[in-house]
N, C-alpha and C. Protein backbone atom coordinates (compact mmCIF):
# COMPACT_ATOMS: atom_id res chain seq x y z
N MET A 1 15.16 -15.81 14.73
CA MET A 1 14.86 -15.05 15.83
C MET A 1 13.35 -14.58 15.78
N GLY A 2 12.88 -14.13 14.55
CA GLY A 2 11.62 -13.65 14.47
C GLY A 2 10.55 -14.79 14.64
N MET A 3 10.97 -15.96 14.29
CA MET A 3 9.96 -17.02 14.49
C MET A 3 9.78 -17.33 15.87
N PHE A 4 10.92 -17.31 16.67
CA PHE A 4 10.77 -17.50 18.05
C PHE A 4 10.01 -16.44 18.72
N LEU A 5 10.14 -15.19 18.28
CA LEU A 5 9.46 -14.11 18.94
C LEU A 5 8.07 -14.25 18.66
N GLY A 6 7.58 -14.62 17.43
CA GLY A 6 6.27 -14.71 17.10
C GLY A 6 5.60 -15.95 17.83
N MET A 7 6.41 -17.02 17.93
CA MET A 7 5.80 -18.17 18.77
C MET A 7 5.54 -17.77 20.16
N GLY A 8 6.60 -17.01 20.76
CA GLY A 8 6.46 -16.70 22.12
C GLY A 8 5.34 -15.71 22.37
N LEU A 9 5.10 -14.77 21.48
CA LEU A 9 3.98 -13.80 21.57
C LEU A 9 2.66 -14.57 21.38
N ALA A 10 2.53 -15.61 20.44
CA ALA A 10 1.33 -16.35 20.38
C ALA A 10 1.04 -17.25 21.63
N ALA A 11 2.17 -17.80 22.32
CA ALA A 11 2.00 -18.57 23.47
C ALA A 11 1.57 -17.63 24.64
N ALA A 12 2.12 -16.37 24.63
CA ALA A 12 1.77 -15.45 25.78
C ALA A 12 0.26 -15.10 25.64
N CYS A 13 -0.30 -15.01 24.42
CA CYS A 13 -1.64 -14.62 24.20
C CYS A 13 -2.52 -15.82 24.54
N CYS A 14 -2.13 -16.98 24.33
CA CYS A 14 -2.83 -18.23 24.74
C CYS A 14 -3.04 -18.28 26.18
N ILE A 15 -1.88 -18.10 26.91
CA ILE A 15 -1.89 -18.04 28.30
C ILE A 15 -2.72 -16.99 28.85
N LEU A 16 -2.62 -15.83 28.30
CA LEU A 16 -3.45 -14.74 28.83
C LEU A 16 -4.85 -14.99 28.59
N LEU A 17 -5.35 -15.43 27.52
CA LEU A 17 -6.70 -15.79 27.22
C LEU A 17 -7.15 -17.05 28.09
N GLY A 18 -6.27 -17.78 28.48
CA GLY A 18 -6.61 -19.08 29.26
C GLY A 18 -6.90 -18.55 30.74
N VAL A 19 -6.10 -17.73 31.19
CA VAL A 19 -6.19 -17.32 32.61
C VAL A 19 -7.31 -16.17 32.75
N ALA A 20 -7.46 -15.29 31.80
CA ALA A 20 -8.50 -14.31 31.83
C ALA A 20 -9.29 -14.36 30.53
N PRO A 21 -10.22 -15.35 30.46
CA PRO A 21 -11.07 -15.50 29.21
C PRO A 21 -11.96 -14.33 29.00
N SER A 22 -12.22 -13.58 30.09
CA SER A 22 -13.21 -12.44 30.03
C SER A 22 -12.72 -11.29 29.03
N LEU A 23 -11.40 -11.29 28.80
CA LEU A 23 -10.70 -10.27 27.78
C LEU A 23 -11.30 -10.67 26.50
N LEU A 24 -11.48 -11.82 26.19
CA LEU A 24 -12.02 -12.34 24.85
C LEU A 24 -13.53 -12.19 24.87
N TYR A 25 -14.20 -12.59 25.79
CA TYR A 25 -15.68 -12.64 25.88
C TYR A 25 -16.20 -11.28 25.71
N GLN A 26 -15.63 -10.18 26.31
CA GLN A 26 -16.17 -8.85 26.20
C GLN A 26 -16.16 -8.26 24.76
N HIS A 27 -15.44 -8.90 23.89
CA HIS A 27 -15.43 -8.49 22.48
C HIS A 27 -16.32 -9.32 21.59
N LEU A 28 -17.02 -10.28 22.16
CA LEU A 28 -18.01 -11.01 21.26
C LEU A 28 -19.23 -10.24 20.99
N PRO A 29 -19.85 -10.45 19.80
CA PRO A 29 -20.99 -9.48 19.43
C PRO A 29 -22.20 -9.88 20.34
N TYR A 30 -22.40 -10.97 21.00
CA TYR A 30 -23.47 -11.28 21.78
C TYR A 30 -22.90 -11.60 23.15
N PRO A 31 -23.64 -11.40 24.21
CA PRO A 31 -23.08 -11.57 25.54
C PRO A 31 -23.00 -13.10 25.74
N ALA A 32 -21.82 -13.49 26.41
CA ALA A 32 -21.59 -14.86 26.64
C ALA A 32 -21.35 -15.03 28.12
N HIS A 33 -22.13 -15.99 28.69
CA HIS A 33 -22.05 -16.27 30.21
C HIS A 33 -21.52 -17.59 30.37
N PHE A 34 -20.16 -17.71 29.99
CA PHE A 34 -19.42 -19.07 30.14
C PHE A 34 -18.42 -18.93 31.24
N LYS A 35 -18.48 -19.86 32.05
CA LYS A 35 -17.48 -19.98 33.11
C LYS A 35 -16.56 -21.17 32.88
N PRO A 36 -15.37 -20.98 32.41
CA PRO A 36 -14.50 -22.15 31.96
C PRO A 36 -14.01 -22.87 33.18
N TYR A 37 -13.94 -22.40 34.27
CA TYR A 37 -13.22 -23.00 35.43
C TYR A 37 -14.21 -23.60 36.53
N THR A 38 -15.30 -23.97 36.15
CA THR A 38 -16.36 -24.66 37.00
C THR A 38 -15.87 -26.07 37.16
N PRO A 39 -16.19 -26.63 38.24
CA PRO A 39 -15.77 -28.11 38.48
C PRO A 39 -16.19 -29.08 37.38
N ALA A 40 -17.41 -28.82 36.95
CA ALA A 40 -17.96 -29.79 35.91
C ALA A 40 -17.14 -29.70 34.69
N HIS A 41 -16.84 -28.51 34.25
CA HIS A 41 -16.11 -28.26 32.98
C HIS A 41 -14.65 -28.69 33.11
N LEU A 42 -14.06 -28.56 34.35
CA LEU A 42 -12.66 -29.07 34.46
C LEU A 42 -12.70 -30.68 34.40
N VAL A 43 -13.63 -31.30 35.10
CA VAL A 43 -13.69 -32.65 35.04
C VAL A 43 -13.89 -33.29 33.64
N GLU A 44 -14.84 -32.55 32.85
CA GLU A 44 -15.04 -32.99 31.42
C GLU A 44 -13.87 -32.78 30.61
N THR A 45 -13.18 -31.68 30.84
CA THR A 45 -11.92 -31.49 30.04
C THR A 45 -10.76 -32.56 30.43
N ALA A 46 -10.72 -32.85 31.70
CA ALA A 46 -9.73 -33.78 32.15
C ALA A 46 -10.07 -35.15 31.54
N GLN A 47 -11.31 -35.56 31.64
CA GLN A 47 -11.72 -36.79 30.98
C GLN A 47 -11.44 -36.90 29.55
N LEU A 48 -11.77 -35.89 28.80
CA LEU A 48 -11.42 -35.89 27.44
C LEU A 48 -9.96 -36.10 27.11
N LEU A 49 -9.10 -35.35 27.92
CA LEU A 49 -7.71 -35.45 27.59
C LEU A 49 -7.16 -36.90 28.04
N LEU A 50 -7.66 -37.45 29.26
CA LEU A 50 -7.17 -38.64 29.71
C LEU A 50 -7.54 -39.86 28.78
N PHE A 51 -8.80 -39.81 28.26
CA PHE A 51 -9.20 -40.92 27.42
C PHE A 51 -8.63 -40.82 25.97
N THR A 52 -8.38 -39.66 25.55
CA THR A 52 -7.51 -39.35 24.31
C THR A 52 -6.14 -40.07 24.54
N PHE A 53 -5.48 -39.81 25.72
CA PHE A 53 -4.13 -40.28 25.97
C PHE A 53 -4.23 -41.86 26.00
N PHE A 54 -5.24 -42.37 26.61
CA PHE A 54 -5.36 -43.85 26.68
C PHE A 54 -5.61 -44.38 25.25
N GLY A 55 -6.42 -43.90 24.47
CA GLY A 55 -6.59 -44.36 23.06
C GLY A 55 -5.26 -44.27 22.39
N PHE A 56 -4.52 -43.23 22.48
CA PHE A 56 -3.22 -43.08 21.71
C PHE A 56 -2.33 -44.13 22.29
N TRP A 57 -2.31 -44.46 23.59
CA TRP A 57 -1.32 -45.27 24.25
C TRP A 57 -1.61 -46.83 23.69
N MET A 58 -2.87 -47.08 23.54
CA MET A 58 -3.44 -48.52 23.12
C MET A 58 -3.03 -48.70 21.68
N PHE A 59 -3.01 -47.77 20.91
CA PHE A 59 -2.92 -47.93 19.45
C PHE A 59 -1.48 -47.39 18.94
N ARG A 60 -0.58 -47.18 19.86
CA ARG A 60 0.69 -46.61 19.50
C ARG A 60 1.50 -47.50 18.60
N ARG A 61 1.31 -48.85 18.69
CA ARG A 61 2.07 -49.79 17.90
C ARG A 61 1.56 -49.73 16.41
N TYR A 62 0.32 -49.32 16.27
CA TYR A 62 -0.13 -49.13 14.91
C TYR A 62 0.29 -47.89 14.15
N LEU A 63 0.67 -47.00 15.07
CA LEU A 63 1.21 -45.68 14.51
C LEU A 63 2.51 -45.63 13.85
N ALA A 64 3.29 -46.62 14.23
CA ALA A 64 4.68 -46.74 13.62
C ALA A 64 4.47 -47.08 12.06
N GLY A 65 5.57 -46.58 11.43
CA GLY A 65 5.47 -46.72 9.98
C GLY A 65 5.98 -48.12 9.62
N GLU A 66 5.52 -48.62 8.42
CA GLU A 66 5.97 -49.97 8.08
C GLU A 66 6.64 -49.88 6.75
N PRO A 67 7.78 -50.54 6.40
CA PRO A 67 8.48 -50.43 5.22
C PRO A 67 7.65 -51.19 4.10
N THR A 68 6.93 -50.41 3.35
CA THR A 68 6.14 -50.89 2.17
C THR A 68 6.42 -50.04 0.94
N VAL A 69 6.04 -50.66 -0.08
CA VAL A 69 6.10 -49.95 -1.44
C VAL A 69 4.75 -49.35 -1.70
N THR A 70 4.69 -48.06 -1.75
CA THR A 70 3.45 -47.28 -1.86
C THR A 70 3.38 -46.76 -3.34
N LEU A 71 2.29 -47.10 -3.97
CA LEU A 71 2.03 -46.63 -5.31
C LEU A 71 1.03 -45.41 -5.24
N ASP A 72 1.51 -44.20 -5.33
CA ASP A 72 0.76 -43.05 -5.24
C ASP A 72 0.38 -42.54 -6.66
N THR A 73 -0.35 -41.54 -6.69
CA THR A 73 -0.79 -40.98 -7.96
C THR A 73 0.42 -40.32 -8.76
N ASP A 74 1.53 -40.17 -7.92
CA ASP A 74 2.61 -39.41 -8.72
C ASP A 74 3.35 -40.48 -9.68
N TRP A 75 3.04 -41.71 -9.60
CA TRP A 75 3.60 -42.68 -10.41
C TRP A 75 3.26 -42.33 -11.88
N PHE A 76 2.00 -41.87 -12.08
CA PHE A 76 1.48 -41.66 -13.37
C PHE A 76 2.25 -40.55 -14.22
N TYR A 77 2.73 -39.58 -13.50
CA TYR A 77 3.46 -38.53 -14.09
C TYR A 77 4.94 -38.60 -13.93
N ARG A 78 5.43 -39.42 -12.99
CA ARG A 78 6.90 -39.57 -12.79
C ARG A 78 7.56 -40.52 -13.91
N GLY A 79 6.73 -41.43 -14.25
CA GLY A 79 7.11 -42.47 -15.35
C GLY A 79 7.53 -41.79 -16.72
N PRO A 80 6.42 -41.09 -17.27
CA PRO A 80 6.79 -40.50 -18.53
C PRO A 80 7.28 -39.05 -18.45
N ALA A 81 7.86 -38.70 -17.26
CA ALA A 81 8.36 -37.38 -17.07
C ALA A 81 9.57 -36.97 -17.94
N ARG A 82 10.46 -37.90 -18.21
CA ARG A 82 11.58 -37.78 -18.99
C ARG A 82 11.30 -37.56 -20.44
N VAL A 83 10.24 -38.37 -20.84
CA VAL A 83 9.84 -38.24 -22.34
C VAL A 83 9.25 -36.86 -22.50
N VAL A 84 8.28 -36.57 -21.55
CA VAL A 84 7.54 -35.29 -21.76
C VAL A 84 8.56 -34.13 -21.61
N CYS A 85 9.45 -34.18 -20.70
CA CYS A 85 10.44 -33.02 -20.49
C CYS A 85 11.30 -33.02 -21.73
N GLY A 86 11.70 -34.11 -22.31
CA GLY A 86 12.45 -34.08 -23.55
C GLY A 86 11.78 -33.36 -24.65
N VAL A 87 10.46 -33.70 -24.88
CA VAL A 87 9.63 -33.08 -25.89
C VAL A 87 9.29 -31.72 -25.60
N LEU A 88 8.84 -31.38 -24.49
CA LEU A 88 8.36 -29.93 -24.17
C LEU A 88 9.36 -29.07 -23.71
N VAL A 89 10.59 -29.61 -23.15
CA VAL A 89 11.35 -28.66 -22.62
C VAL A 89 12.70 -28.65 -23.51
N VAL A 90 13.38 -29.83 -23.63
CA VAL A 90 14.61 -29.78 -24.28
C VAL A 90 14.53 -29.48 -25.75
N SER A 91 13.43 -29.91 -26.50
CA SER A 91 13.35 -29.62 -27.82
C SER A 91 13.11 -28.12 -28.02
N VAL A 92 12.23 -27.47 -27.17
CA VAL A 92 11.94 -26.15 -27.26
C VAL A 92 13.13 -25.32 -26.86
N ASP A 93 13.91 -25.67 -26.04
CA ASP A 93 15.15 -25.05 -25.67
C ASP A 93 16.10 -25.11 -26.84
N ARG A 94 16.27 -26.23 -27.41
CA ARG A 94 17.14 -26.24 -28.65
C ARG A 94 16.72 -25.30 -29.84
N ALA A 95 15.34 -25.16 -30.02
CA ALA A 95 14.81 -24.35 -30.91
C ALA A 95 15.15 -22.90 -30.59
N PHE A 96 14.97 -22.53 -29.39
CA PHE A 96 15.29 -21.17 -28.90
C PHE A 96 16.87 -20.94 -29.19
N ASP A 97 17.70 -21.89 -28.77
CA ASP A 97 19.03 -21.63 -29.13
C ASP A 97 19.30 -21.52 -30.59
N LEU A 98 18.73 -22.23 -31.42
CA LEU A 98 18.87 -22.07 -32.81
C LEU A 98 18.43 -20.81 -33.34
N PHE A 99 17.26 -20.27 -32.93
CA PHE A 99 16.78 -18.94 -33.30
C PHE A 99 17.72 -17.88 -32.79
N ASP A 100 18.26 -18.06 -31.54
CA ASP A 100 19.11 -17.11 -30.91
C ASP A 100 20.40 -16.98 -31.80
N ARG A 101 20.92 -18.16 -32.21
CA ARG A 101 22.23 -18.13 -33.10
C ARG A 101 21.83 -17.35 -34.44
N TRP A 102 20.73 -17.66 -35.05
CA TRP A 102 20.35 -16.96 -36.20
C TRP A 102 20.14 -15.57 -36.10
N ALA A 103 19.44 -15.08 -34.96
CA ALA A 103 19.31 -13.62 -34.65
C ALA A 103 20.71 -12.97 -34.52
N LEU A 104 21.60 -13.54 -33.76
CA LEU A 104 22.83 -13.06 -33.58
C LEU A 104 23.66 -12.87 -35.03
N LEU A 105 23.64 -13.84 -35.79
CA LEU A 105 24.16 -13.83 -37.11
C LEU A 105 23.60 -12.58 -37.89
N ILE A 106 22.20 -12.35 -37.80
CA ILE A 106 21.55 -11.27 -38.55
C ILE A 106 21.95 -9.93 -37.96
N VAL A 107 22.12 -9.86 -36.64
CA VAL A 107 22.44 -8.63 -36.04
C VAL A 107 23.84 -8.25 -36.38
N ARG A 108 24.83 -9.25 -36.34
CA ARG A 108 26.15 -9.02 -36.71
C ARG A 108 26.31 -8.55 -38.17
N ALA A 109 25.50 -9.19 -39.11
CA ALA A 109 25.54 -8.66 -40.55
C ALA A 109 25.07 -7.23 -40.54
N LEU A 110 23.97 -6.99 -39.89
CA LEU A 110 23.43 -5.61 -39.94
C LEU A 110 24.30 -4.65 -39.42
N ALA A 111 25.03 -5.03 -38.31
CA ALA A 111 25.91 -4.08 -37.71
C ALA A 111 27.20 -3.77 -38.56
N ALA A 112 27.71 -4.89 -39.29
CA ALA A 112 28.71 -4.77 -40.24
C ALA A 112 28.22 -3.84 -41.47
N PHE A 113 26.90 -3.92 -41.98
CA PHE A 113 26.51 -3.07 -42.92
C PHE A 113 26.29 -1.68 -42.40
N ALA A 114 25.95 -1.50 -41.17
CA ALA A 114 25.71 -0.02 -40.58
C ALA A 114 26.91 0.69 -40.46
N ARG A 115 28.16 -0.07 -40.44
CA ARG A 115 29.38 0.62 -40.38
C ARG A 115 29.72 1.53 -41.50
N ASN A 116 29.16 1.00 -42.84
CA ASN A 116 29.50 1.88 -44.06
C ASN A 116 28.26 1.48 -44.92
N PRO A 117 27.13 2.22 -44.74
CA PRO A 117 26.01 1.84 -45.57
C PRO A 117 26.11 2.30 -46.98
N LEU A 118 27.04 3.24 -47.23
CA LEU A 118 27.12 3.81 -48.70
C LEU A 118 27.94 2.87 -49.53
N ARG A 119 28.51 1.86 -49.10
CA ARG A 119 29.36 1.07 -50.00
C ARG A 119 28.45 0.24 -50.99
N LEU A 120 27.28 0.02 -50.61
CA LEU A 120 26.46 -0.68 -51.64
C LEU A 120 25.83 0.23 -52.85
N LEU A 121 25.88 1.48 -52.60
CA LEU A 121 25.48 2.44 -53.56
C LEU A 121 26.70 2.75 -54.41
N PRO A 122 26.58 2.48 -55.87
CA PRO A 122 27.75 2.66 -56.78
C PRO A 122 28.25 4.15 -56.81
N PRO A 123 27.45 5.10 -56.73
CA PRO A 123 28.06 6.43 -56.84
C PRO A 123 28.81 6.81 -55.60
N PHE A 124 28.41 6.33 -54.43
CA PHE A 124 29.05 6.67 -53.17
C PHE A 124 30.13 5.68 -52.63
N ALA A 125 30.21 4.51 -53.38
CA ALA A 125 31.04 3.42 -53.02
C ALA A 125 32.66 3.91 -53.02
N SER A 126 33.19 3.64 -51.83
CA SER A 126 34.58 3.92 -51.73
C SER A 126 35.26 2.91 -50.83
N ASP A 127 36.46 2.81 -50.83
CA ASP A 127 37.37 1.87 -49.96
C ASP A 127 37.60 2.46 -48.57
N THR A 128 37.36 3.71 -48.59
CA THR A 128 37.61 4.51 -47.30
C THR A 128 36.52 4.29 -46.30
N ASP A 129 36.83 4.27 -44.99
CA ASP A 129 35.93 4.05 -44.04
C ASP A 129 34.75 5.23 -44.07
N TYR A 130 33.58 4.72 -43.69
CA TYR A 130 32.46 5.69 -43.67
C TYR A 130 32.47 6.58 -42.55
N SER A 131 32.31 7.93 -42.63
CA SER A 131 32.28 8.86 -41.55
C SER A 131 30.79 9.28 -41.35
N PRO A 132 30.30 9.03 -40.31
CA PRO A 132 28.85 9.50 -40.18
C PRO A 132 28.82 11.00 -39.97
N ASP A 133 29.92 11.63 -39.48
CA ASP A 133 29.98 12.98 -39.41
C ASP A 133 29.86 13.78 -40.70
N ARG A 134 30.31 13.21 -41.74
CA ARG A 134 30.28 13.88 -42.99
C ARG A 134 28.80 14.00 -43.56
N CYS A 135 27.94 13.15 -43.19
CA CYS A 135 26.58 13.20 -43.72
C CYS A 135 25.61 13.76 -42.62
N ARG A 136 25.97 14.05 -41.49
CA ARG A 136 25.30 14.52 -40.34
C ARG A 136 25.07 15.98 -40.35
N PRO A 137 23.80 16.42 -40.33
CA PRO A 137 23.62 17.83 -40.40
C PRO A 137 24.15 18.56 -39.01
N SER A 138 24.57 19.68 -39.06
CA SER A 138 25.07 20.50 -37.97
C SER A 138 23.97 20.83 -37.01
N THR A 139 24.22 20.61 -35.75
CA THR A 139 23.27 21.08 -34.77
C THR A 139 23.39 22.53 -34.47
N GLN A 140 24.43 23.20 -34.93
CA GLN A 140 24.56 24.65 -34.66
C GLN A 140 23.48 25.44 -35.19
N ARG A 141 23.04 25.15 -36.41
CA ARG A 141 21.82 25.98 -36.84
C ARG A 141 20.61 25.68 -36.07
N LEU A 142 20.35 24.50 -35.71
CA LEU A 142 19.23 24.15 -34.89
C LEU A 142 19.20 24.86 -33.51
N LEU A 143 20.38 24.76 -32.91
CA LEU A 143 20.51 25.43 -31.49
C LEU A 143 20.26 27.05 -31.84
N ALA A 144 20.81 27.60 -32.75
CA ALA A 144 20.64 28.95 -32.97
C ALA A 144 19.13 29.37 -33.28
N CYS A 145 18.52 28.56 -33.92
CA CYS A 145 16.97 28.78 -34.25
C CYS A 145 16.21 28.79 -33.01
N VAL A 146 16.63 27.69 -32.13
CA VAL A 146 15.76 27.55 -30.88
C VAL A 146 16.03 28.79 -29.92
N LEU A 147 17.41 29.11 -29.82
CA LEU A 147 17.76 30.32 -28.95
C LEU A 147 16.99 31.72 -29.57
N LEU A 148 17.07 31.76 -30.85
CA LEU A 148 16.40 32.98 -31.36
C LEU A 148 14.88 32.95 -31.18
N ALA A 149 14.23 31.83 -31.12
CA ALA A 149 12.87 31.71 -30.85
C ALA A 149 12.59 31.96 -29.35
N PHE A 150 13.41 31.50 -28.61
CA PHE A 150 13.40 31.78 -27.12
C PHE A 150 13.48 33.24 -26.83
N VAL A 151 14.54 33.87 -27.36
CA VAL A 151 14.68 35.39 -27.13
C VAL A 151 13.45 36.14 -27.74
N LEU A 152 13.05 35.80 -28.77
CA LEU A 152 11.98 36.61 -29.36
C LEU A 152 10.70 36.43 -28.53
N LEU A 153 10.37 35.14 -28.17
CA LEU A 153 9.21 34.98 -27.24
C LEU A 153 9.34 35.67 -26.01
N SER A 154 10.52 35.60 -25.31
CA SER A 154 10.69 36.32 -24.10
C SER A 154 10.53 37.84 -24.24
N LEU A 155 11.08 38.35 -25.47
CA LEU A 155 10.82 39.82 -25.52
C LEU A 155 9.44 40.20 -25.79
N TRP A 156 8.69 39.32 -26.75
CA TRP A 156 7.24 39.59 -26.84
C TRP A 156 6.45 39.52 -25.47
N GLY A 157 6.80 38.49 -24.64
CA GLY A 157 6.29 38.41 -23.31
C GLY A 157 6.48 39.63 -22.34
N LEU A 158 7.77 40.07 -22.46
CA LEU A 158 8.00 41.36 -21.69
C LEU A 158 7.29 42.58 -22.28
N TYR A 159 7.21 42.72 -23.48
CA TYR A 159 6.43 43.76 -24.19
C TYR A 159 4.94 43.73 -23.76
N ARG A 160 4.39 42.58 -23.73
CA ARG A 160 2.88 42.41 -23.37
C ARG A 160 2.82 42.86 -21.98
N LEU A 161 3.76 42.50 -21.08
CA LEU A 161 3.67 42.91 -19.58
C LEU A 161 3.77 44.33 -19.38
N ALA A 162 4.56 44.93 -20.20
CA ALA A 162 4.82 46.45 -20.08
C ALA A 162 3.49 47.24 -20.44
N LEU A 163 2.74 46.63 -21.35
CA LEU A 163 1.57 47.31 -21.77
C LEU A 163 0.56 47.23 -20.72
């Protein structure tokens, strides 16, 4: 729908400028005194269109396509395209797949180690599951310090305002 609207608008502009060319000429940087609908200009344009039509009509049989084999420049890259694609695309894709599998194996091994990192240290080794909460510091003390600092700074600010 948008294409038809744009084409219709362009056609309307062409018709408008064809009927009233002074709308365009008044916006030119230099004055233009051209009268497109003089008899001489109409005859000249009609002759140009008529002889163009005659030339097309005379050579129309040569404009039809002929079934031939055409060797274009694309032959040079279409021939070795499979070999080049195999070397540059398929082999690189296989290498990426191999490295992807290796990376996944390494990540899985690191994830298994991260589940119980203390099992490799002899004093801490145990068969029980590792609990990260046992070694994690409590956030209660940290929050208490932050709140205490906030209260003290607020009181100090109020004290300074009162002075």
